[in-house]
Amino acid sequence: PTGASSNSDTSTPVKSMEDNPDGGCHIYRNGYYRTGISVVEGILEVNIIQMMSIQMTESQAENSLVDFVVTCQGSLPTDVCTVVSDPTCQVSKSVVCDPITVTDECLLTIRRAFEEPGTYCINITLGDDTSQALASALISVNGGEST
């Protein structure tokens, strides 16, 4: 059903309704609406600036440990994920995610273990509630040494 005010006063508001197949009705309103928009900077860039093998004793030599020194630009991250894949970066071998606390400058060291020598693709993702940024590198791990 369509209904409108039949009052001769032209300033009376008009509401119009139409049938809806599900048995309800639509109400159309004209006017001005207000909302708030927050613009956040986000994490703009991630860089792996150094990769260092950690020297271990022979009794600890089961895994090769590598430290990745990472920097970023923009807002400070709250978590880091590392994906270790085959050299083509297609087949994932392991994924490790950790919460992190960065206070004023985005510079952090991420330590990861490699079970056996070989060449790996490393993806390091830094994230916060609103953004993510990724850096990738190829690393060759050879019995406690990395390049």
N, C-alpha and C. Protein backbone atom coordinates (compact mmCIF):
# COMPACT_ATOMS: atom_id res chain seq x y z
N PRO A 1 0.83 -1.18 0.00
CA PRO A 1 0.00 0.00 0.00
C PRO A 1 0.87 1.24 0.00
N THR A 2 0.37 2.28 -0.68
CA THR A 2 1.07 3.54 -0.71
C THR A 2 0.25 4.55 0.07
N GLY A 3 0.89 5.27 1.01
CA GLY A 3 0.14 6.22 1.81
C GLY A 3 0.85 7.55 1.82
N ALA A 4 0.11 8.64 1.81
CA ALA A 4 0.70 9.97 1.90
C ALA A 4 -0.27 10.86 2.64
N SER A 5 0.26 11.87 3.23
CA SER A 5 -0.60 12.82 3.94
C SER A 5 -1.40 13.61 2.93
N SER A 6 -2.70 13.75 3.18
CA SER A 6 -3.53 14.50 2.25
C SER A 6 -3.84 15.89 2.79
N ASN A 7 -3.09 16.32 3.77
CA ASN A 7 -3.26 17.64 4.36
C ASN A 7 -2.86 18.70 3.35
N SER A 8 -3.53 19.81 3.33
CA SER A 8 -3.22 20.85 2.35
C SER A 8 -1.93 21.59 2.70
N ASP A 9 -1.38 21.39 3.91
CA ASP A 9 -0.13 22.05 4.30
C ASP A 9 1.02 21.34 3.59
N THR A 10 1.75 22.04 2.74
CA THR A 10 2.82 21.41 1.95
C THR A 10 4.07 21.13 2.75
N SER A 11 4.19 21.61 4.00
CA SER A 11 5.38 21.35 4.80
C SER A 11 5.29 20.04 5.57
N THR A 12 4.17 19.33 5.47
CA THR A 12 4.01 18.06 6.16
C THR A 12 4.91 17.01 5.52
N PRO A 13 5.71 16.29 6.32
CA PRO A 13 6.59 15.26 5.74
C PRO A 13 5.80 14.13 5.13
N VAL A 14 6.35 13.53 4.10
CA VAL A 14 5.68 12.44 3.40
C VAL A 14 6.52 11.19 3.56
N LYS A 15 5.87 10.10 3.98
CA LYS A 15 6.53 8.80 4.03
C LYS A 15 5.87 7.92 2.99
N SER A 16 6.69 7.20 2.25
CA SER A 16 6.08 6.31 1.28
C SER A 16 6.54 4.90 1.57
N MET A 17 5.64 3.93 1.43
CA MET A 17 5.94 2.53 1.68
C MET A 17 5.47 1.72 0.50
N GLU A 18 6.17 0.62 0.25
CA GLU A 18 5.73 -0.26 -0.83
C GLU A 18 5.80 -1.70 -0.37
N ASP A 19 5.03 -2.56 -1.04
CA ASP A 19 4.99 -3.96 -0.67
C ASP A 19 6.34 -4.62 -0.92
N ASN A 20 6.66 -5.57 -0.07
CA ASN A 20 7.88 -6.33 -0.19
C ASN A 20 7.49 -7.80 -0.25
N PRO A 21 8.07 -8.62 -1.13
CA PRO A 21 7.65 -10.02 -1.28
C PRO A 21 7.70 -10.81 0.02
N ASP A 22 8.60 -10.45 0.97
CA ASP A 22 8.69 -11.23 2.20
C ASP A 22 7.68 -10.77 3.25
N GLY A 23 6.74 -9.90 2.88
CA GLY A 23 5.69 -9.50 3.81
C GLY A 23 6.01 -8.25 4.60
N GLY A 24 7.24 -7.76 4.54
CA GLY A 24 7.59 -6.54 5.26
C GLY A 24 7.42 -5.33 4.38
N CYS A 25 7.98 -4.24 4.77
CA CYS A 25 7.92 -3.05 3.92
C CYS A 25 9.22 -2.28 4.05
N HIS A 26 9.51 -1.45 3.07
CA HIS A 26 10.67 -0.56 3.09
C HIS A 26 10.20 0.82 3.49
N ILE A 27 11.00 1.49 4.28
CA ILE A 27 10.72 2.89 4.60
C ILE A 27 11.87 3.72 4.02
N TYR A 28 11.53 4.66 3.19
CA TYR A 28 12.55 5.50 2.58
C TYR A 28 12.58 6.82 3.32
N ARG A 29 13.77 7.25 3.69
CA ARG A 29 13.93 8.52 4.39
C ARG A 29 14.97 9.36 3.65
N ASN A 30 14.69 10.61 3.52
CA ASN A 30 15.66 11.54 2.94
C ASN A 30 16.22 12.41 4.06
N GLY A 31 17.49 12.76 3.94
CA GLY A 31 18.08 13.62 4.96
C GLY A 31 19.58 13.56 4.92
N TYR A 32 20.20 14.10 5.96
CA TYR A 32 21.65 14.14 6.07
C TYR A 32 22.08 13.18 7.17
N TYR A 33 23.16 12.47 6.91
CA TYR A 33 23.67 11.50 7.87
C TYR A 33 25.13 11.81 8.15
N ARG A 34 25.57 11.47 9.34
CA ARG A 34 26.94 11.77 9.75
C ARG A 34 27.60 10.51 10.27
N THR A 35 28.88 10.33 9.95
CA THR A 35 29.66 9.22 10.48
C THR A 35 31.09 9.67 10.66
N GLY A 36 31.84 8.93 11.47
CA GLY A 36 33.24 9.26 11.68
C GLY A 36 34.13 8.30 10.93
N ILE A 37 35.20 8.79 10.34
CA ILE A 37 36.17 7.95 9.63
C ILE A 37 37.54 8.17 10.25
N SER A 38 38.20 7.08 10.63
CA SER A 38 39.56 7.17 11.17
C SER A 38 40.53 6.70 10.12
N VAL A 39 41.55 7.49 9.85
CA VAL A 39 42.59 7.12 8.88
C VAL A 39 43.81 6.69 9.67
N VAL A 40 44.27 5.47 9.42
CA VAL A 40 45.44 4.97 10.13
C VAL A 40 46.59 4.80 9.13
N GLU A 41 47.80 4.97 9.62
CA GLU A 41 48.96 4.92 8.73
C GLU A 41 49.27 3.49 8.28
N GLY A 42 49.23 2.55 9.20
CA GLY A 42 49.54 1.17 8.85
C GLY A 42 51.04 0.93 8.75
N ILE A 43 51.42 -0.33 8.60
CA ILE A 43 52.82 -0.72 8.40
C ILE A 43 53.11 -0.59 6.91
N LEU A 44 54.03 0.28 6.58
CA LEU A 44 54.24 0.64 5.17
C LEU A 44 55.28 -0.23 4.47
N GLU A 45 56.29 -0.68 5.20
CA GLU A 45 57.40 -1.37 4.54
C GLU A 45 58.13 -2.24 5.55
N VAL A 46 58.59 -3.41 5.12
CA VAL A 46 59.39 -4.31 5.94
C VAL A 46 60.66 -4.64 5.17
N ASN A 47 61.80 -4.61 5.85
CA ASN A 47 63.08 -4.96 5.21
C ASN A 47 63.85 -5.91 6.10
N ILE A 48 64.39 -6.96 5.50
CA ILE A 48 65.33 -7.85 6.20
C ILE A 48 66.72 -7.28 5.93
N ILE A 49 67.34 -6.73 6.96
CA ILE A 49 68.62 -6.05 6.73
C ILE A 49 69.83 -6.93 7.04
N GLN A 50 69.61 -8.04 7.76
CA GLN A 50 70.75 -8.91 8.08
C GLN A 50 70.25 -10.30 8.43
N MET A 51 71.04 -11.32 8.03
CA MET A 51 70.77 -12.70 8.41
C MET A 51 72.06 -13.27 8.99
N MET A 52 72.00 -13.77 10.23
CA MET A 52 73.21 -14.25 10.91
C MET A 52 72.99 -15.65 11.45
N SER A 53 73.93 -16.56 11.18
CA SER A 53 73.88 -17.89 11.77
C SER A 53 74.35 -17.80 13.21
N ILE A 54 73.72 -18.60 14.07
CA ILE A 54 74.09 -18.65 15.48
C ILE A 54 74.98 -19.87 15.67
N GLN A 55 76.18 -19.64 16.18
CA GLN A 55 77.12 -20.74 16.41
C GLN A 55 76.69 -21.53 17.64
N MET A 56 76.63 -22.85 17.49
CA MET A 56 76.21 -23.71 18.60
C MET A 56 77.26 -24.76 18.85
N THR A 57 77.17 -25.39 20.03
CA THR A 57 78.08 -26.49 20.33
C THR A 57 77.63 -27.72 19.54
N GLU A 58 78.50 -28.74 19.48
CA GLU A 58 78.16 -29.94 18.71
C GLU A 58 76.92 -30.64 19.26
N SER A 59 76.69 -30.55 20.57
CA SER A 59 75.52 -31.21 21.15
C SER A 59 74.23 -30.50 20.76
N GLN A 60 74.32 -29.23 20.34
CA GLN A 60 73.14 -28.48 19.94
C GLN A 60 72.97 -28.44 18.42
N ALA A 61 73.79 -29.17 17.70
CA ALA A 61 73.86 -29.01 16.25
C ALA A 61 72.72 -29.68 15.50
N GLU A 62 71.67 -30.15 16.18
CA GLU A 62 70.56 -30.77 15.47
C GLU A 62 69.88 -29.76 14.55
N ASN A 63 69.69 -28.54 15.02
CA ASN A 63 69.04 -27.49 14.23
C ASN A 63 70.02 -26.35 13.99
N SER A 64 69.94 -25.76 12.81
CA SER A 64 70.69 -24.54 12.53
C SER A 64 69.81 -23.36 12.90
N LEU A 65 70.33 -22.45 13.72
CA LEU A 65 69.59 -21.26 14.12
C LEU A 65 70.06 -20.07 13.33
N VAL A 66 69.12 -19.27 12.84
CA VAL A 66 69.44 -18.07 12.07
C VAL A 66 68.66 -16.91 12.67
N ASP A 67 69.36 -15.79 12.91
CA ASP A 67 68.72 -14.56 13.35
C ASP A 67 68.49 -13.66 12.14
N PHE A 68 67.25 -13.18 12.00
CA PHE A 68 66.89 -12.23 10.95
C PHE A 68 66.68 -10.87 11.61
N VAL A 69 67.44 -9.87 11.18
CA VAL A 69 67.25 -8.52 11.69
C VAL A 69 66.35 -7.78 10.72
N VAL A 70 65.23 -7.28 11.25
CA VAL A 70 64.16 -6.73 10.41
C VAL A 70 63.84 -5.31 10.85
N THR A 71 63.63 -4.43 9.88
CA THR A 71 63.16 -3.08 10.16
C THR A 71 61.83 -2.86 9.45
N CYS A 72 61.09 -1.85 9.91
CA CYS A 72 59.86 -1.51 9.20
C CYS A 72 59.60 -0.02 9.31
N GLN A 73 58.72 0.47 8.45
CA GLN A 73 58.31 1.88 8.43
C GLN A 73 56.83 1.95 8.70
N GLY A 74 56.38 3.06 9.25
CA GLY A 74 54.96 3.25 9.51
C GLY A 74 54.63 2.91 10.94
N SER A 75 53.42 2.38 11.16
CA SER A 75 53.01 2.06 12.52
C SER A 75 53.78 0.85 13.04
N LEU A 76 53.79 0.68 14.36
CA LEU A 76 54.56 -0.39 14.98
C LEU A 76 53.78 -1.70 14.97
N PRO A 77 54.42 -2.81 14.60
CA PRO A 77 53.72 -4.10 14.52
C PRO A 77 53.44 -4.68 15.90
N THR A 78 52.45 -5.56 15.96
CA THR A 78 52.12 -6.26 17.20
C THR A 78 52.32 -7.77 17.07
N ASP A 79 52.54 -8.26 15.83
CA ASP A 79 52.82 -9.68 15.66
C ASP A 79 53.71 -9.90 14.45
N VAL A 80 54.41 -11.03 14.48
CA VAL A 80 55.30 -11.40 13.37
C VAL A 80 55.03 -12.86 13.01
N CYS A 81 54.95 -13.14 11.72
CA CYS A 81 54.82 -14.51 11.21
C CYS A 81 55.96 -14.79 10.24
N THR A 82 56.54 -15.97 10.37
CA THR A 82 57.60 -16.40 9.47
C THR A 82 57.15 -17.68 8.77
N VAL A 83 57.16 -17.64 7.44
CA VAL A 83 56.82 -18.82 6.64
C VAL A 83 58.11 -19.30 5.97
N VAL A 84 58.46 -20.55 6.23
CA VAL A 84 59.63 -21.16 5.60
C VAL A 84 59.11 -22.08 4.50
N SER A 85 59.58 -21.84 3.27
CA SER A 85 59.10 -22.61 2.12
C SER A 85 60.28 -23.17 1.33
N ASP A 86 59.95 -23.95 0.31
CA ASP A 86 60.97 -24.47 -0.60
C ASP A 86 61.56 -23.29 -1.40
N PRO A 87 62.65 -23.50 -2.13
CA PRO A 87 63.31 -22.38 -2.83
C PRO A 87 62.43 -21.65 -3.84
N THR A 88 61.35 -22.28 -4.32
CA THR A 88 60.47 -21.60 -5.26
C THR A 88 59.40 -20.76 -4.55
N CYS A 89 59.37 -20.82 -3.23
CA CYS A 89 58.37 -20.12 -2.39
C CYS A 89 56.97 -20.65 -2.63
N GLN A 90 56.83 -21.87 -3.12
CA GLN A 90 55.52 -22.44 -3.44
C GLN A 90 55.02 -23.42 -2.37
N VAL A 91 55.93 -24.23 -1.81
CA VAL A 91 55.52 -25.29 -0.87
C VAL A 91 55.97 -24.90 0.53
N SER A 92 55.00 -24.63 1.40
CA SER A 92 55.31 -24.20 2.77
C SER A 92 55.77 -25.38 3.61
N LYS A 93 56.88 -25.18 4.35
CA LYS A 93 57.39 -26.22 5.23
C LYS A 93 57.01 -25.96 6.68
N SER A 94 56.98 -24.69 7.09
CA SER A 94 56.58 -24.37 8.46
C SER A 94 56.12 -22.92 8.54
N VAL A 95 55.21 -22.67 9.49
CA VAL A 95 54.72 -21.32 9.75
C VAL A 95 54.80 -21.09 11.25
N VAL A 96 55.44 -20.01 11.67
CA VAL A 96 55.56 -19.66 13.08
C VAL A 96 55.10 -18.22 13.25
N CYS A 97 54.14 -17.98 14.17
CA CYS A 97 53.65 -16.63 14.46
C CYS A 97 53.83 -16.35 15.94
N ASP A 98 54.25 -15.14 16.24
CA ASP A 98 54.47 -14.74 17.64
C ASP A 98 53.99 -13.31 17.83
N PRO A 99 53.41 -13.02 19.02
CA PRO A 99 53.15 -11.61 19.35
C PRO A 99 54.47 -10.93 19.69
N ILE A 100 54.59 -9.65 19.37
CA ILE A 100 55.81 -8.91 19.68
C ILE A 100 55.43 -7.56 20.29
N THR A 101 56.38 -6.99 21.01
CA THR A 101 56.21 -5.65 21.57
C THR A 101 57.34 -4.78 21.05
N VAL A 102 57.00 -3.78 20.26
CA VAL A 102 57.96 -2.83 19.73
C VAL A 102 57.58 -1.47 20.32
N THR A 103 58.52 -0.81 21.00
CA THR A 103 58.14 0.39 21.75
C THR A 103 58.29 1.69 20.99
N ASP A 104 59.44 1.94 20.35
CA ASP A 104 59.57 3.24 19.69
C ASP A 104 60.15 3.15 18.29
N GLU A 105 61.08 2.24 18.03
CA GLU A 105 61.69 2.11 16.71
C GLU A 105 61.47 0.70 16.21
N CYS A 106 61.09 0.57 14.96
CA CYS A 106 60.80 -0.75 14.41
C CYS A 106 62.10 -1.42 13.97
N LEU A 107 62.75 -2.08 14.92
CA LEU A 107 63.97 -2.85 14.66
C LEU A 107 63.89 -4.07 15.56
N LEU A 108 63.81 -5.26 14.96
CA LEU A 108 63.69 -6.45 15.78
C LEU A 108 64.48 -7.59 15.19
N THR A 109 64.81 -8.56 16.06
CA THR A 109 65.55 -9.74 15.66
C THR A 109 64.64 -10.95 15.83
N ILE A 110 64.53 -11.74 14.77
CA ILE A 110 63.67 -12.93 14.76
C ILE A 110 64.58 -14.14 14.61
N ARG A 111 64.53 -15.08 15.56
CA ARG A 111 65.35 -16.29 15.50
C ARG A 111 64.49 -17.46 15.04
N ARG A 112 64.99 -18.16 14.02
CA ARG A 112 64.28 -19.33 13.50
C ARG A 112 65.24 -20.50 13.36
N ALA A 113 64.70 -21.72 13.56
CA ALA A 113 65.50 -22.94 13.47
C ALA A 113 65.23 -23.64 12.15
N PHE A 114 66.28 -24.22 11.58
CA PHE A 114 66.20 -25.00 10.34
C PHE A 114 66.71 -26.40 10.63
N GLU A 115 65.86 -27.40 10.36
CA GLU A 115 66.18 -28.77 10.75
C GLU A 115 67.31 -29.38 9.94
N GLU A 116 67.44 -28.96 8.68
CA GLU A 116 68.47 -29.58 7.84
C GLU A 116 69.03 -28.54 6.88
N PRO A 117 70.25 -28.79 6.37
CA PRO A 117 70.84 -27.86 5.41
C PRO A 117 69.99 -27.80 4.14
N GLY A 118 70.08 -26.68 3.46
CA GLY A 118 69.34 -26.52 2.21
C GLY A 118 69.08 -25.07 1.92
N THR A 119 68.39 -24.84 0.81
CA THR A 119 68.00 -23.49 0.41
C THR A 119 66.52 -23.32 0.70
N TYR A 120 66.19 -22.20 1.33
CA TYR A 120 64.81 -21.95 1.75
C TYR A 120 64.37 -20.56 1.31
N CYS A 121 63.08 -20.43 1.10
CA CYS A 121 62.45 -19.12 0.89
C CYS A 121 61.86 -18.71 2.23
N ILE A 122 62.16 -17.49 2.67
CA ILE A 122 61.66 -16.98 3.94
C ILE A 122 60.73 -15.81 3.67
N ASN A 123 59.50 -15.87 4.19
CA ASN A 123 58.57 -14.74 4.17
C ASN A 123 58.37 -14.29 5.60
N ILE A 124 58.67 -13.04 5.88
CA ILE A 124 58.45 -12.47 7.21
C ILE A 124 57.36 -11.41 7.08
N THR A 125 56.27 -11.60 7.82
CA THR A 125 55.13 -10.68 7.79
C THR A 125 55.01 -10.01 9.15
N LEU A 126 55.00 -8.68 9.15
CA LEU A 126 54.72 -7.91 10.36
C LEU A 126 53.30 -7.38 10.25
N GLY A 127 52.55 -7.45 11.33
CA GLY A 127 51.17 -7.01 11.29
C GLY A 127 50.74 -6.31 12.55
N ASP A 128 49.64 -5.55 12.43
CA ASP A 128 48.95 -4.99 13.58
C ASP A 128 47.45 -5.15 13.32
N ASP A 129 46.62 -4.45 14.06
CA ASP A 129 45.17 -4.64 13.93
C ASP A 129 44.63 -4.19 12.57
N THR A 130 45.36 -3.33 11.87
CA THR A 130 44.80 -2.75 10.65
C THR A 130 45.64 -2.99 9.40
N SER A 131 46.84 -3.55 9.52
CA SER A 131 47.68 -3.67 8.33
C SER A 131 48.69 -4.81 8.46
N GLN A 132 49.26 -5.16 7.32
CA GLN A 132 50.34 -6.15 7.26
C GLN A 132 51.32 -5.72 6.19
N ALA A 133 52.60 -6.09 6.38
CA ALA A 133 53.61 -5.87 5.35
C ALA A 133 54.54 -7.07 5.35
N LEU A 134 55.09 -7.37 4.17
CA LEU A 134 55.84 -8.61 3.96
C LEU A 134 57.20 -8.33 3.36
N ALA A 135 58.20 -9.11 3.82
CA ALA A 135 59.52 -9.12 3.18
C ALA A 135 59.89 -10.57 2.92
N SER A 136 60.58 -10.82 1.81
CA SER A 136 60.98 -12.18 1.44
C SER A 136 62.47 -12.23 1.16
N ALA A 137 63.04 -13.41 1.37
CA ALA A 137 64.46 -13.61 1.07
C ALA A 137 64.70 -15.09 0.81
N LEU A 138 65.73 -15.38 0.03
CA LEU A 138 66.22 -16.75 -0.13
C LEU A 138 67.42 -16.91 0.79
N ILE A 139 67.46 -18.04 1.50
CA ILE A 139 68.58 -18.29 2.41
C ILE A 139 69.09 -19.69 2.18
N SER A 140 70.41 -19.82 2.21
CA SER A 140 71.06 -21.12 2.08
C SER A 140 71.64 -21.49 3.44
N VAL A 141 71.14 -22.55 4.05
CA VAL A 141 71.60 -23.00 5.36
C VAL A 141 72.47 -24.22 5.15
N ASN A 142 73.70 -24.16 5.67
CA ASN A 142 74.66 -25.24 5.43
C ASN A 142 75.37 -25.58 6.72
N GLY A 143 74.75 -26.47 7.53
CA GLY A 143 75.38 -26.97 8.75
C GLY A 143 75.87 -25.88 9.68
N GLY A 144 75.01 -24.96 10.04
CA GLY A 144 75.39 -23.92 10.99
C GLY A 144 75.84 -22.64 10.33
N GLU A 145 75.97 -22.62 9.02
CA GLU A 145 76.32 -21.38 8.32
C GLU A 145 75.19 -21.02 7.38
N SER A 146 74.97 -19.72 7.19
CA SER A 146 73.92 -19.31 6.27
C SER A 146 74.44 -18.20 5.38
N THR A 147 73.90 -18.14 4.17
CA THR A 147 74.26 -17.06 3.24
C THR A 147 72.99 -16.46 2.69
